[in-house]
Amino acid sequence: MLADVDLEKNPAAPAELRASDADRDRIAHILADALAEGRLTADEHSERLDSLYAVKTVGELEVLVRDLPAPGAVPAAPSYAQAPAAPAQAGQAEVSETVVAVCSSVTRKGRWRPGAHTRVVSVLGDVTVDLTEAVFEQQVTEINVTSVLGNVEILVPENVTLRGYGSGVLGNFEVHGEGRAGTIDPNAPVVIVRGFALLGNIEARPKLGARLVDLALKLRKHLER
């Protein structure tokens, strides 16, 4: 059957189906990885990103990335596998959430549950990821950021360990990992920010006065059982 052939090409969806928001996010993820790795120039990335929101079907989306590696086939961007004490296969973990801002502003804040791996893409946009009231369900949370002529700000509670691994080309990548003396809680989560800024800005810092207690209390109650 024709449908079976199409599904073999792309198990996610037949090529003639109308593209969903999830389909576009997946392609945006691949394009962001390609830009960060130097597989695409800034102009090529911008051109394909414009097409991303203009085309209608899954097949047309696939054309935009047919010359790029699929997620998982090649390490896409610096991952937790490069951090000290991280296993080599950690980079294969799936992205649990994607935040994309193209010529717009996006804010993720309040009482939310961040996944272990979150991807942020900002192209001529502003993104704020506020973890100060978040409920962490894992010890290590990784945020991979790509900023092209955009601005990304990440806020964490002051007792969380914050680490940064990234770079900028005519841009800024800055992670302020030190809170006030004595504020870091060894039982609190670790947030790792990895990023690439091209003519953009990425900044991560602790928010003084905001402290995370949820995970620490949960661990202590578990140990007391």
N, C-alpha and C. Protein backbone atom coordinates (compact mmCIF):
# COMPACT_ATOMS: atom_id res chain seq x y z
N MET A 1 0.85 -1.20 0.00
CA MET A 1 0.00 0.00 0.00
C MET A 1 0.88 1.25 0.00
N LEU A 2 0.35 2.34 -0.62
CA LEU A 2 1.11 3.58 -0.70
C LEU A 2 1.42 4.13 0.67
N ALA A 3 0.44 4.04 1.57
CA ALA A 3 0.64 4.57 2.93
C ALA A 3 1.78 3.86 3.63
N ASP A 4 1.89 2.53 3.37
CA ASP A 4 2.96 1.78 4.01
C ASP A 4 4.32 2.25 3.52
N VAL A 5 4.43 2.55 2.23
CA VAL A 5 5.69 3.03 1.66
C VAL A 5 6.08 4.35 2.28
N ASP A 6 5.09 5.25 2.43
CA ASP A 6 5.38 6.56 3.01
C ASP A 6 5.82 6.44 4.45
N LEU A 7 5.18 5.54 5.18
CA LEU A 7 5.54 5.37 6.57
C LEU A 7 6.94 4.81 6.72
N GLU A 8 7.38 4.02 5.73
CA GLU A 8 8.75 3.52 5.79
C GLU A 8 9.75 4.65 5.61
N LYS A 9 9.41 5.64 4.78
CA LYS A 9 10.29 6.79 4.60
C LYS A 9 10.35 7.64 5.86
N ASN A 10 9.21 7.85 6.46
CA ASN A 10 9.12 8.70 7.65
C ASN A 10 8.12 8.08 8.60
N PRO A 11 8.57 7.28 9.56
CA PRO A 11 7.65 6.60 10.46
C PRO A 11 6.75 7.56 11.21
N ALA A 12 7.15 8.84 11.37
CA ALA A 12 6.37 9.78 12.15
C ALA A 12 5.06 10.14 11.45
N ALA A 13 5.08 10.28 10.11
CA ALA A 13 3.87 10.67 9.40
C ALA A 13 4.08 10.55 7.91
N PRO A 14 3.03 10.14 7.12
CA PRO A 14 3.13 10.12 5.67
C PRO A 14 3.43 11.50 5.12
N ALA A 15 4.15 11.54 4.00
CA ALA A 15 4.64 12.81 3.47
C ALA A 15 3.54 13.77 3.07
N GLU A 16 2.37 13.24 2.65
CA GLU A 16 1.32 14.15 2.17
C GLU A 16 0.46 14.73 3.28
N LEU A 17 0.67 14.30 4.51
CA LEU A 17 -0.12 14.82 5.63
C LEU A 17 0.23 16.28 5.92
N ARG A 18 -0.76 17.02 6.39
CA ARG A 18 -0.52 18.39 6.80
C ARG A 18 0.41 18.40 8.01
N ALA A 19 1.36 19.32 8.03
CA ALA A 19 2.33 19.39 9.12
C ALA A 19 1.70 19.95 10.39
N SER A 20 2.07 19.36 11.51
CA SER A 20 1.59 19.82 12.81
C SER A 20 2.64 20.71 13.47
N ASP A 21 2.29 21.34 14.60
CA ASP A 21 3.26 22.14 15.35
C ASP A 21 4.43 21.27 15.81
N ALA A 22 4.14 20.02 16.21
CA ALA A 22 5.19 19.12 16.66
C ALA A 22 6.15 18.79 15.51
N ASP A 23 5.61 18.63 14.29
CA ASP A 23 6.46 18.38 13.12
C ASP A 23 7.40 19.56 12.89
N ARG A 24 6.87 20.77 12.98
CA ARG A 24 7.69 21.97 12.75
C ARG A 24 8.75 22.12 13.84
N ASP A 25 8.39 21.81 15.09
CA ASP A 25 9.36 21.89 16.17
C ASP A 25 10.51 20.91 15.95
N ARG A 26 10.18 19.71 15.45
CA ARG A 26 11.22 18.71 15.19
C ARG A 26 12.19 19.21 14.13
N ILE A 27 11.67 19.81 13.06
CA ILE A 27 12.54 20.31 12.00
C ILE A 27 13.35 21.51 12.50
N ALA A 28 12.74 22.38 13.30
CA ALA A 28 13.45 23.52 13.87
C ALA A 28 14.62 23.05 14.74
N HIS A 29 14.41 21.96 15.45
CA HIS A 29 15.47 21.37 16.28
C HIS A 29 16.65 20.93 15.41
N ILE A 30 16.36 20.23 14.31
CA ILE A 30 17.43 19.76 13.41
C ILE A 30 18.18 20.94 12.80
N LEU A 31 17.45 21.99 12.39
CA LEU A 31 18.09 23.16 11.79
C LEU A 31 18.97 23.89 12.81
N ALA A 32 18.50 23.97 14.05
CA ALA A 32 19.29 24.63 15.09
C ALA A 32 20.58 23.87 15.36
N ASP A 33 20.48 22.53 15.38
CA ASP A 33 21.68 21.71 15.56
C ASP A 33 22.67 21.95 14.42
N ALA A 34 22.15 22.00 13.19
CA ALA A 34 23.01 22.18 12.01
C ALA A 34 23.72 23.53 12.05
N LEU A 35 23.03 24.56 12.51
CA LEU A 35 23.65 25.88 12.63
C LEU A 35 24.75 25.86 13.69
N ALA A 36 24.46 25.25 14.83
CA ALA A 36 25.44 25.19 15.92
C ALA A 36 26.68 24.40 15.53
N GLU A 37 26.51 23.38 14.67
CA GLU A 37 27.63 22.55 14.25
C GLU A 37 28.40 23.12 13.07
N GLY A 38 27.87 24.19 12.46
CA GLY A 38 28.52 24.77 11.29
C GLY A 38 28.13 24.11 9.98
N ARG A 39 27.11 23.25 9.99
CA ARG A 39 26.65 22.62 8.76
C ARG A 39 25.86 23.61 7.89
N LEU A 40 25.25 24.60 8.54
CA LEU A 40 24.53 25.65 7.83
C LEU A 40 25.10 27.00 8.21
N THR A 41 25.13 27.92 7.27
CA THR A 41 25.50 29.30 7.59
C THR A 41 24.29 30.00 8.19
N ALA A 42 24.50 31.18 8.74
CA ALA A 42 23.39 31.93 9.32
C ALA A 42 22.35 32.26 8.26
N ASP A 43 22.79 32.60 7.04
CA ASP A 43 21.84 32.92 5.97
C ASP A 43 21.04 31.69 5.55
N GLU A 44 21.73 30.55 5.45
CA GLU A 44 21.04 29.31 5.08
C GLU A 44 20.02 28.92 6.14
N HIS A 45 20.43 29.06 7.40
CA HIS A 45 19.51 28.73 8.49
C HIS A 45 18.29 29.64 8.46
N SER A 46 18.52 30.94 8.26
CA SER A 46 17.41 31.89 8.21
C SER A 46 16.46 31.59 7.05
N GLU A 47 17.02 31.25 5.90
CA GLU A 47 16.20 30.94 4.73
C GLU A 47 15.34 29.70 4.96
N ARG A 48 15.94 28.67 5.54
CA ARG A 48 15.18 27.44 5.79
C ARG A 48 14.15 27.64 6.89
N LEU A 49 14.48 28.48 7.86
CA LEU A 49 13.53 28.74 8.93
C LEU A 49 12.31 29.48 8.40
N ASP A 50 12.52 30.41 7.44
CA ASP A 50 11.39 31.08 6.81
C ASP A 50 10.49 30.07 6.10
N SER A 51 11.11 29.12 5.41
CA SER A 51 10.35 28.10 4.69
C SER A 51 9.61 27.18 5.66
N LEU A 52 10.22 26.96 6.83
CA LEU A 52 9.64 26.06 7.82
C LEU A 52 8.19 26.43 8.15
N TYR A 53 7.92 27.72 8.24
CA TYR A 53 6.59 28.17 8.62
C TYR A 53 5.72 28.52 7.42
N ALA A 54 6.25 28.32 6.21
CA ALA A 54 5.48 28.61 5.00
C ALA A 54 4.93 27.34 4.35
N VAL A 55 5.68 26.24 4.44
CA VAL A 55 5.23 25.01 3.79
C VAL A 55 4.08 24.39 4.55
N LYS A 56 3.38 23.45 3.88
CA LYS A 56 2.14 22.92 4.45
C LYS A 56 2.21 21.45 4.88
N THR A 57 3.02 20.64 4.20
CA THR A 57 2.99 19.21 4.46
C THR A 57 4.27 18.69 5.10
N VAL A 58 4.16 17.47 5.66
CA VAL A 58 5.32 16.83 6.28
C VAL A 58 6.42 16.59 5.25
N GLY A 59 6.03 16.20 4.03
CA GLY A 59 7.00 15.96 2.98
C GLY A 59 7.81 17.19 2.64
N GLU A 60 7.15 18.36 2.60
CA GLU A 60 7.85 19.61 2.31
C GLU A 60 8.79 19.97 3.44
N LEU A 61 8.42 19.64 4.67
CA LEU A 61 9.32 19.89 5.80
C LEU A 61 10.58 19.03 5.69
N GLU A 62 10.40 17.78 5.30
CA GLU A 62 11.54 16.87 5.21
C GLU A 62 12.55 17.34 4.18
N VAL A 63 12.08 18.02 3.13
CA VAL A 63 13.00 18.53 2.12
C VAL A 63 14.00 19.51 2.73
N LEU A 64 13.56 20.24 3.75
CA LEU A 64 14.42 21.26 4.37
C LEU A 64 15.60 20.65 5.11
N VAL A 65 15.50 19.37 5.48
CA VAL A 65 16.57 18.75 6.29
C VAL A 65 17.10 17.48 5.63
N ARG A 66 16.80 17.26 4.36
CA ARG A 66 17.21 16.01 3.72
C ARG A 66 18.73 15.89 3.59
N ASP A 67 19.47 17.01 3.63
CA ASP A 67 20.93 16.97 3.57
C ASP A 67 21.58 17.10 4.94
N LEU A 68 20.78 16.94 6.01
CA LEU A 68 21.29 17.07 7.38
C LEU A 68 21.07 15.77 8.13
N PRO A 69 21.93 15.46 9.11
CA PRO A 69 21.77 14.21 9.87
C PRO A 69 20.52 14.24 10.73
N ALA A 70 19.89 13.09 10.86
CA ALA A 70 18.71 12.98 11.71
C ALA A 70 19.13 13.03 13.17
N PRO A 71 18.22 13.45 14.07
CA PRO A 71 18.55 13.48 15.50
C PRO A 71 18.98 12.10 15.98
N GLY A 72 20.08 12.04 16.71
CA GLY A 72 20.56 10.78 17.23
C GLY A 72 21.57 10.09 16.33
N ALA A 73 21.56 10.42 15.02
CA ALA A 73 22.50 9.78 14.11
C ALA A 73 23.91 10.30 14.32
N VAL A 74 24.02 11.63 14.62
CA VAL A 74 25.30 12.27 14.90
C VAL A 74 25.08 13.16 16.10
N PRO A 75 25.98 13.23 17.06
CA PRO A 75 25.80 14.14 18.18
C PRO A 75 25.54 15.54 17.68
N ALA A 76 24.39 16.10 18.06
CA ALA A 76 23.93 17.33 17.45
C ALA A 76 24.62 18.56 18.01
N ALA A 77 24.67 18.68 19.31
CA ALA A 77 25.25 19.85 19.93
C ALA A 77 25.91 19.40 21.22
N PRO A 78 26.74 20.22 21.83
CA PRO A 78 27.34 19.81 23.10
C PRO A 78 26.27 19.34 24.05
N SER A 79 26.43 18.17 24.64
CA SER A 79 25.41 17.59 25.48
C SER A 79 26.00 17.25 26.84
N TYR A 80 25.16 16.70 27.70
CA TYR A 80 25.59 16.37 29.05
C TYR A 80 26.73 15.36 29.04
N ALA A 81 26.90 14.65 27.90
CA ALA A 81 27.99 13.69 27.80
C ALA A 81 29.35 14.34 27.92
N GLN A 82 29.42 15.68 27.66
CA GLN A 82 30.70 16.36 27.73
C GLN A 82 30.99 16.91 29.12
N ALA A 83 30.03 16.89 29.99
CA ALA A 83 30.25 17.40 31.33
C ALA A 83 31.01 16.36 32.15
N PRO A 84 31.79 16.80 33.12
CA PRO A 84 32.50 15.84 33.96
C PRO A 84 31.54 14.87 34.61
N ALA A 85 31.91 13.61 34.67
CA ALA A 85 31.15 12.55 35.34
C ALA A 85 29.92 12.12 34.57
N ALA A 86 29.72 12.60 33.34
CA ALA A 86 28.56 12.19 32.56
C ALA A 86 28.92 11.02 31.68
N PRO A 87 28.02 10.03 31.56
CA PRO A 87 28.30 8.89 30.69
C PRO A 87 28.28 9.29 29.24
N ALA A 88 29.02 8.57 28.37
CA ALA A 88 29.13 8.92 26.96
C ALA A 88 27.81 8.85 26.24
N GLN A 89 26.91 7.92 26.67
CA GLN A 89 25.66 7.78 25.95
C GLN A 89 24.61 8.78 26.37
N ALA A 90 24.93 9.67 27.30
CA ALA A 90 23.93 10.61 27.78
C ALA A 90 23.42 11.52 26.68
N GLY A 91 24.24 11.84 25.69
CA GLY A 91 23.83 12.73 24.61
C GLY A 91 22.71 12.17 23.77
N GLN A 92 22.37 10.86 23.92
CA GLN A 92 21.32 10.26 23.13
C GLN A 92 19.93 10.51 23.71
N ALA A 93 19.85 11.12 24.89
CA ALA A 93 18.55 11.35 25.52
C ALA A 93 17.68 12.26 24.66
N GLU A 94 16.38 11.98 24.68
CA GLU A 94 15.46 12.74 23.86
C GLU A 94 15.14 14.09 24.51
N VAL A 95 14.92 15.08 23.66
CA VAL A 95 14.49 16.39 24.15
C VAL A 95 13.04 16.27 24.60
N SER A 96 12.76 16.67 25.84
CA SER A 96 11.41 16.53 26.37
C SER A 96 10.54 17.74 26.09
N GLU A 97 11.15 18.87 25.77
CA GLU A 97 10.37 20.07 25.47
C GLU A 97 11.20 21.00 24.60
N THR A 98 10.54 21.68 23.66
CA THR A 98 11.21 22.63 22.79
C THR A 98 10.51 23.98 22.89
N VAL A 99 11.29 25.03 23.11
CA VAL A 99 10.77 26.40 23.16
C VAL A 99 11.37 27.17 22.00
N VAL A 100 10.53 27.68 21.10
CA VAL A 100 11.01 28.36 19.90
C VAL A 100 10.40 29.77 19.84
N ALA A 101 11.26 30.77 19.63
CA ALA A 101 10.80 32.15 19.43
C ALA A 101 11.42 32.69 18.16
N VAL A 102 10.59 32.97 17.16
CA VAL A 102 11.04 33.54 15.90
C VAL A 102 10.35 34.90 15.73
N CYS A 103 11.14 35.97 15.86
CA CYS A 103 10.58 37.32 15.80
C CYS A 103 9.43 37.48 16.79
N SER A 104 9.60 36.91 17.98
CA SER A 104 8.55 36.96 18.99
C SER A 104 9.17 36.81 20.37
N SER A 105 8.32 36.85 21.38
CA SER A 105 8.78 36.67 22.76
C SER A 105 8.06 35.48 23.38
N VAL A 106 8.82 34.65 24.09
CA VAL A 106 8.25 33.48 24.75
C VAL A 106 8.79 33.44 26.17
N THR A 107 7.91 33.18 27.13
CA THR A 107 8.31 33.08 28.53
C THR A 107 7.78 31.78 29.11
N ARG A 108 8.64 31.05 29.76
CA ARG A 108 8.25 29.81 30.45
C ARG A 108 8.55 30.03 31.91
N LYS A 109 7.52 30.11 32.74
CA LYS A 109 7.74 30.41 34.15
C LYS A 109 6.59 29.88 34.99
N GLY A 110 6.68 30.10 36.29
CA GLY A 110 5.64 29.66 37.20
C GLY A 110 5.87 28.24 37.70
N ARG A 111 4.78 27.61 38.12
CA ARG A 111 4.84 26.25 38.69
C ARG A 111 4.77 25.24 37.55
N TRP A 112 5.92 24.88 36.97
CA TRP A 112 5.93 23.93 35.87
C TRP A 112 6.98 22.87 36.12
N ARG A 113 6.92 21.79 35.36
CA ARG A 113 7.82 20.66 35.55
C ARG A 113 8.75 20.53 34.35
N PRO A 114 9.96 21.08 34.44
CA PRO A 114 10.89 20.98 33.32
C PRO A 114 11.36 19.53 33.13
N GLY A 115 11.50 19.12 31.87
CA GLY A 115 12.02 17.79 31.60
C GLY A 115 13.52 17.73 31.77
N ALA A 116 14.07 16.55 31.63
CA ALA A 116 15.52 16.40 31.81
C ALA A 116 16.30 17.11 30.71
N HIS A 117 15.71 17.22 29.50
CA HIS A 117 16.39 17.86 28.38
C HIS A 117 15.40 18.82 27.69
N THR A 118 15.73 20.09 27.70
CA THR A 118 14.89 21.11 27.06
C THR A 118 15.72 21.85 26.02
N ARG A 119 15.13 22.10 24.86
CA ARG A 119 15.83 22.85 23.80
C ARG A 119 15.16 24.21 23.64
N VAL A 120 15.99 25.24 23.54
CA VAL A 120 15.51 26.61 23.33
C VAL A 120 16.14 27.17 22.07
N VAL A 121 15.31 27.69 21.16
CA VAL A 121 15.79 28.29 19.92
C VAL A 121 15.21 29.70 19.82
N SER A 122 16.07 30.69 19.68
CA SER A 122 15.64 32.08 19.54
C SER A 122 16.26 32.68 18.29
N VAL A 123 15.42 33.08 17.36
CA VAL A 123 15.87 33.75 16.14
C VAL A 123 15.15 35.10 16.07
N LEU A 124 15.90 36.17 16.30
CA LEU A 124 15.31 37.51 16.35
C LEU A 124 14.17 37.56 17.35
N GLY A 125 14.32 36.80 18.43
CA GLY A 125 13.27 36.75 19.44
C GLY A 125 13.85 36.81 20.84
N ASP A 126 12.96 36.85 21.82
CA ASP A 126 13.35 36.88 23.23
C ASP A 126 12.71 35.70 23.94
N VAL A 127 13.53 34.96 24.69
CA VAL A 127 13.04 33.81 25.45
C VAL A 127 13.49 33.96 26.90
N THR A 128 12.56 33.76 27.82
CA THR A 128 12.88 33.71 29.24
C THR A 128 12.45 32.37 29.78
N VAL A 129 13.40 31.64 30.35
CA VAL A 129 13.11 30.36 31.00
C VAL A 129 13.36 30.56 32.49
N ASP A 130 12.29 30.64 33.25
CA ASP A 130 12.36 30.93 34.68
C ASP A 130 12.09 29.65 35.46
N LEU A 131 13.14 29.15 36.11
CA LEU A 131 13.02 27.90 36.87
C LEU A 131 12.88 28.13 38.37
N THR A 132 12.67 29.37 38.77
CA THR A 132 12.68 29.68 40.20
C THR A 132 11.48 29.09 40.95
N GLU A 133 10.39 28.79 40.24
CA GLU A 133 9.23 28.16 40.88
C GLU A 133 8.95 26.78 40.30
N ALA A 134 9.90 26.27 39.52
CA ALA A 134 9.70 24.98 38.85
C ALA A 134 9.77 23.82 39.84
N VAL A 135 9.12 22.73 39.47
CA VAL A 135 9.16 21.49 40.24
C VAL A 135 10.07 20.52 39.50
N PHE A 136 11.25 20.27 40.03
CA PHE A 136 12.21 19.38 39.38
C PHE A 136 11.92 17.94 39.76
N GLU A 137 11.86 17.07 38.74
CA GLU A 137 11.61 15.65 38.99
C GLU A 137 12.85 14.81 38.72
N GLN A 138 13.98 15.45 38.48
CA GLN A 138 15.24 14.75 38.25
C GLN A 138 16.37 15.57 38.86
N GLN A 139 17.50 14.91 39.10
CA GLN A 139 18.61 15.61 39.73
C GLN A 139 19.34 16.52 38.76
N VAL A 140 19.43 16.12 37.48
CA VAL A 140 20.15 16.91 36.48
C VAL A 140 19.19 17.35 35.38
N THR A 141 19.13 18.64 35.15
CA THR A 141 18.30 19.22 34.09
C THR A 141 19.22 19.94 33.11
N GLU A 142 19.09 19.62 31.82
CA GLU A 142 19.96 20.21 30.81
C GLU A 142 19.13 21.05 29.84
N ILE A 143 19.64 22.24 29.56
CA ILE A 143 18.97 23.15 28.61
C ILE A 143 19.95 23.48 27.49
N ASN A 144 19.59 23.11 26.26
CA ASN A 144 20.42 23.39 25.10
C ASN A 144 19.84 24.61 24.37
N VAL A 145 20.66 25.63 24.18
CA VAL A 145 20.17 26.91 23.65
C VAL A 145 20.90 27.29 22.37
N THR A 146 20.15 27.73 21.38
CA THR A 146 20.71 28.34 20.17
C THR A 146 20.06 29.71 20.00
N SER A 147 20.88 30.75 19.93
CA SER A 147 20.38 32.11 19.78
C SER A 147 21.02 32.77 18.56
N VAL A 148 20.19 33.19 17.61
CA VAL A 148 20.65 33.88 16.41
C VAL A 148 19.96 35.25 16.39
N LEU A 149 20.73 36.30 16.65
CA LEU A 149 20.18 37.65 16.71
C LEU A 149 19.02 37.72 17.71
N GLY A 150 19.11 36.88 18.72
CA GLY A 150 18.06 36.84 19.73
C GLY A 150 18.63 36.94 21.13
N ASN A 151 17.75 36.88 22.11
CA ASN A 151 18.15 37.00 23.50
C ASN A 151 17.47 35.91 24.31
N VAL A 152 18.27 35.17 25.10
CA VAL A 152 17.74 34.11 25.94
C VAL A 152 18.23 34.33 27.37
N GLU A 153 17.31 34.35 28.31
CA GLU A 153 17.65 34.51 29.72
C GLU A 153 17.11 33.31 30.49
N ILE A 154 17.96 32.72 31.32
CA ILE A 154 17.58 31.57 32.13
C ILE A 154 17.82 31.91 33.59
N LEU A 155 16.79 31.76 34.41
CA LEU A 155 16.87 32.06 35.83
C LEU A 155 16.68 30.78 36.63
N VAL A 156 17.51 30.59 37.66
CA VAL A 156 17.40 29.40 38.51
C VAL A 156 17.37 29.84 39.97
N PRO A 157 16.86 28.99 40.87
CA PRO A 157 16.92 29.30 42.30
C PRO A 157 18.38 29.41 42.75
N GLU A 158 18.62 30.20 43.78
CA GLU A 158 20.01 30.47 44.16
C GLU A 158 20.70 29.28 44.80
N ASN A 159 19.95 28.28 45.28
CA ASN A 159 20.60 27.12 45.90
C ASN A 159 20.79 25.96 44.93
N VAL A 160 20.50 26.19 43.64
CA VAL A 160 20.73 25.18 42.61
C VAL A 160 22.14 25.35 42.04
N THR A 161 22.80 24.24 41.73
CA THR A 161 24.11 24.30 41.08
C THR A 161 23.92 24.58 39.59
N LEU A 162 24.51 25.65 39.10
CA LEU A 162 24.36 26.06 37.70
C LEU A 162 25.70 25.94 36.99
N ARG A 163 25.72 25.22 35.86
CA ARG A 163 26.94 25.05 35.09
C ARG A 163 26.69 25.45 33.64
N GLY A 164 27.72 25.97 32.99
CA GLY A 164 27.57 26.42 31.61
C GLY A 164 28.68 25.93 30.71
N TYR A 165 28.31 25.54 29.48
CA TYR A 165 29.26 25.11 28.46
C TYR A 165 28.77 25.67 27.13
N GLY A 166 29.46 26.66 26.58
CA GLY A 166 28.99 27.23 25.33
C GLY A 166 29.95 28.24 24.75
N SER A 167 29.50 28.89 23.68
CA SER A 167 30.35 29.86 22.99
C SER A 167 29.48 30.83 22.22
N GLY A 168 30.11 31.91 21.76
CA GLY A 168 29.41 32.90 20.95
C GLY A 168 30.27 33.37 19.80
N VAL A 169 29.64 33.65 18.67
CA VAL A 169 30.31 34.23 17.52
C VAL A 169 29.68 35.61 17.30
N LEU A 170 30.44 36.66 17.61
CA LEU A 170 29.90 38.01 17.62
C LEU A 170 28.66 38.07 18.49
N GLY A 171 28.67 37.24 19.51
CA GLY A 171 27.55 37.17 20.45
C GLY A 171 28.07 36.93 21.85
N ASN A 172 27.17 36.66 22.77
CA ASN A 172 27.54 36.53 24.17
C ASN A 172 26.93 35.27 24.77
N PHE A 173 27.76 34.46 25.42
CA PHE A 173 27.30 33.31 26.20
C PHE A 173 27.86 33.47 27.60
N GLU A 174 26.99 33.61 28.57
CA GLU A 174 27.46 33.92 29.92
C GLU A 174 26.61 33.17 30.94
N VAL A 175 27.26 32.42 31.81
CA VAL A 175 26.59 31.68 32.87
C VAL A 175 27.21 32.08 34.20
N HIS A 176 26.40 32.62 35.08
CA HIS A 176 26.85 33.02 36.41
C HIS A 176 26.48 31.89 37.37
N GLY A 177 27.45 31.03 37.69
CA GLY A 177 27.13 29.83 38.47
C GLY A 177 27.26 30.00 39.96
N GLU A 178 27.73 31.14 40.39
CA GLU A 178 27.97 31.31 41.83
C GLU A 178 26.90 32.18 42.47
N GLY A 179 26.22 31.62 43.46
CA GLY A 179 25.30 32.41 44.27
C GLY A 179 26.04 32.94 45.48
N ARG A 180 25.31 33.39 46.48
CA ARG A 180 25.96 33.86 47.70
C ARG A 180 26.59 32.69 48.44
N ALA A 181 27.63 32.97 49.21
CA ALA A 181 28.33 31.92 49.95
C ALA A 181 27.36 31.16 50.83
N GLY A 182 27.44 29.83 50.79
CA GLY A 182 26.60 28.99 51.63
C GLY A 182 25.20 28.74 51.10
N THR A 183 24.89 29.24 49.89
CA THR A 183 23.53 29.09 49.39
C THR A 183 23.32 27.78 48.64
N ILE A 184 24.39 27.17 48.11
CA ILE A 184 24.24 25.95 47.32
C ILE A 184 23.85 24.78 48.21
N ASP A 185 22.79 24.07 47.83
CA ASP A 185 22.30 22.92 48.57
C ASP A 185 22.74 21.66 47.83
N PRO A 186 23.55 20.78 48.46
CA PRO A 186 24.02 19.58 47.76
C PRO A 186 22.89 18.64 47.35
N ASN A 187 21.71 18.76 47.98
CA ASN A 187 20.58 17.91 47.63
C ASN A 187 19.71 18.52 46.54
N ALA A 188 19.98 19.76 46.18
CA ALA A 188 19.18 20.43 45.15
C ALA A 188 19.66 20.01 43.76
N PRO A 189 18.86 20.27 42.74
CA PRO A 189 19.22 19.84 41.37
C PRO A 189 20.42 20.59 40.81
N VAL A 190 20.94 20.04 39.71
CA VAL A 190 21.99 20.67 38.92
C VAL A 190 21.38 21.07 37.58
N VAL A 191 21.56 22.31 37.19
CA VAL A 191 21.08 22.80 35.90
C VAL A 191 22.29 23.07 35.01
N ILE A 192 22.34 22.41 33.86
CA ILE A 192 23.43 22.58 32.91
C ILE A 192 22.91 23.32 31.69
N VAL A 193 23.54 24.43 31.36
CA VAL A 193 23.15 25.22 30.19
C VAL A 193 24.25 25.09 29.14
N ARG A 194 23.86 24.62 27.96
CA ARG A 194 24.79 24.52 26.84
C ARG A 194 24.24 25.40 25.73
N GLY A 195 25.11 26.20 25.13
CA GLY A 195 24.56 27.11 24.13
C GLY A 195 25.53 27.60 23.09
N PHE A 196 24.94 28.16 22.05
CA PHE A 196 25.69 28.78 20.96
C PHE A 196 24.95 30.05 20.57
N ALA A 197 25.65 31.18 20.63
CA ALA A 197 25.05 32.46 20.30
C ALA A 197 25.73 33.06 19.08
N LEU A 198 24.96 33.31 18.03
CA LEU A 198 25.45 33.97 16.83
C LEU A 198 24.79 35.34 16.74
N LEU A 199 25.57 36.38 16.99
CA LEU A 199 25.02 37.74 17.02
C LEU A 199 23.86 37.83 17.99
N GLY A 200 23.91 37.00 19.02
CA GLY A 200 22.83 36.98 20.00
C GLY A 200 23.38 36.94 21.41
N ASN A 201 22.49 36.73 22.37
CA ASN A 201 22.88 36.76 23.77
C ASN A 201 22.23 35.61 24.51
N ILE A 202 23.03 34.89 25.30
CA ILE A 202 22.53 33.84 26.18
C ILE A 202 23.09 34.11 27.57
N GLU A 203 22.21 34.22 28.53
CA GLU A 203 22.66 34.49 29.90
C GLU A 203 21.87 33.61 30.87
N ALA A 204 22.57 32.96 31.78
CA ALA A 204 21.95 32.16 32.82
C ALA A 204 22.50 32.60 34.16
N ARG A 205 21.62 32.73 35.14
CA ARG A 205 22.08 33.21 36.44
C ARG A 205 21.10 32.79 37.54
N PRO A 206 21.61 32.70 38.78
CA PRO A 206 20.70 32.44 39.90
C PRO A 206 19.94 33.71 40.28
N LYS A 207 18.71 33.54 40.68
CA LYS A 207 17.90 34.67 41.13
C LYS A 207 17.98 34.72 42.65
N LEU A 208 18.64 35.74 43.15
CA LEU A 208 18.86 35.86 44.59
C LEU A 208 17.53 35.98 45.32
N GLY A 209 17.41 35.22 46.40
CA GLY A 209 16.19 35.25 47.20
C GLY A 209 15.21 34.15 46.84
N ALA A 210 15.43 33.51 45.69
CA ALA A 210 14.56 32.41 45.28
C ALA A 210 15.27 31.10 45.58
N ARG A 211 14.66 30.26 46.40
CA ARG A 211 15.29 29.00 46.79
C ARG A 211 14.36 27.84 46.47
N LEU A 212 14.96 26.76 46.03
CA LEU A 212 14.21 25.56 45.70
C LEU A 212 14.25 24.61 46.89
N VAL A 213 13.08 24.14 47.31
CA VAL A 213 13.04 23.22 48.45
C VAL A 213 12.35 21.91 48.10
N ASP A 214 11.62 21.86 47.01
CA ASP A 214 10.80 20.69 46.69
C ASP A 214 11.60 19.39 46.62
N LEU A 215 12.65 19.38 45.81
CA LEU A 215 13.41 18.15 45.62
C LEU A 215 14.17 17.77 46.88
N ALA A 216 14.75 18.77 47.56
CA ALA A 216 15.50 18.48 48.78
C ALA A 216 14.59 17.84 49.83
N LEU A 217 13.38 18.39 50.01
CA LEU A 217 12.45 17.83 50.98
C LEU A 217 12.01 16.43 50.59
N LYS A 218 11.80 16.23 49.30
CA LYS A 218 11.39 14.92 48.81
C LYS A 218 12.46 13.87 49.09
N LEU A 219 13.75 14.23 48.84
CA LEU A 219 14.83 13.29 49.09
C LEU A 219 14.96 12.97 50.58
N ARG A 220 14.81 13.99 51.41
CA ARG A 220 14.94 13.75 52.85
C ARG A 220 13.83 12.84 53.37
N LYS A 221 12.60 13.07 52.88
CA LYS A 221 11.47 12.22 53.31
C LYS A 221 11.68 10.78 52.86
N HIS A 222 12.26 10.62 51.66
CA HIS A 222 12.52 9.28 51.15
C HIS A 222 13.56 8.58 52.03
N LEU A 223 14.59 9.30 52.45
CA LEU A 223 15.66 8.71 53.26
C LEU A 223 15.17 8.37 54.67
N GLU A 224 14.17 9.13 55.14
CA GLU A 224 13.66 8.90 56.50
C GLU A 224 12.72 7.70 56.59
N ARG A 225 12.26 7.18 55.45
CA ARG A 225 11.32 6.04 55.47
C ARG A 225 12.00 4.78 55.96
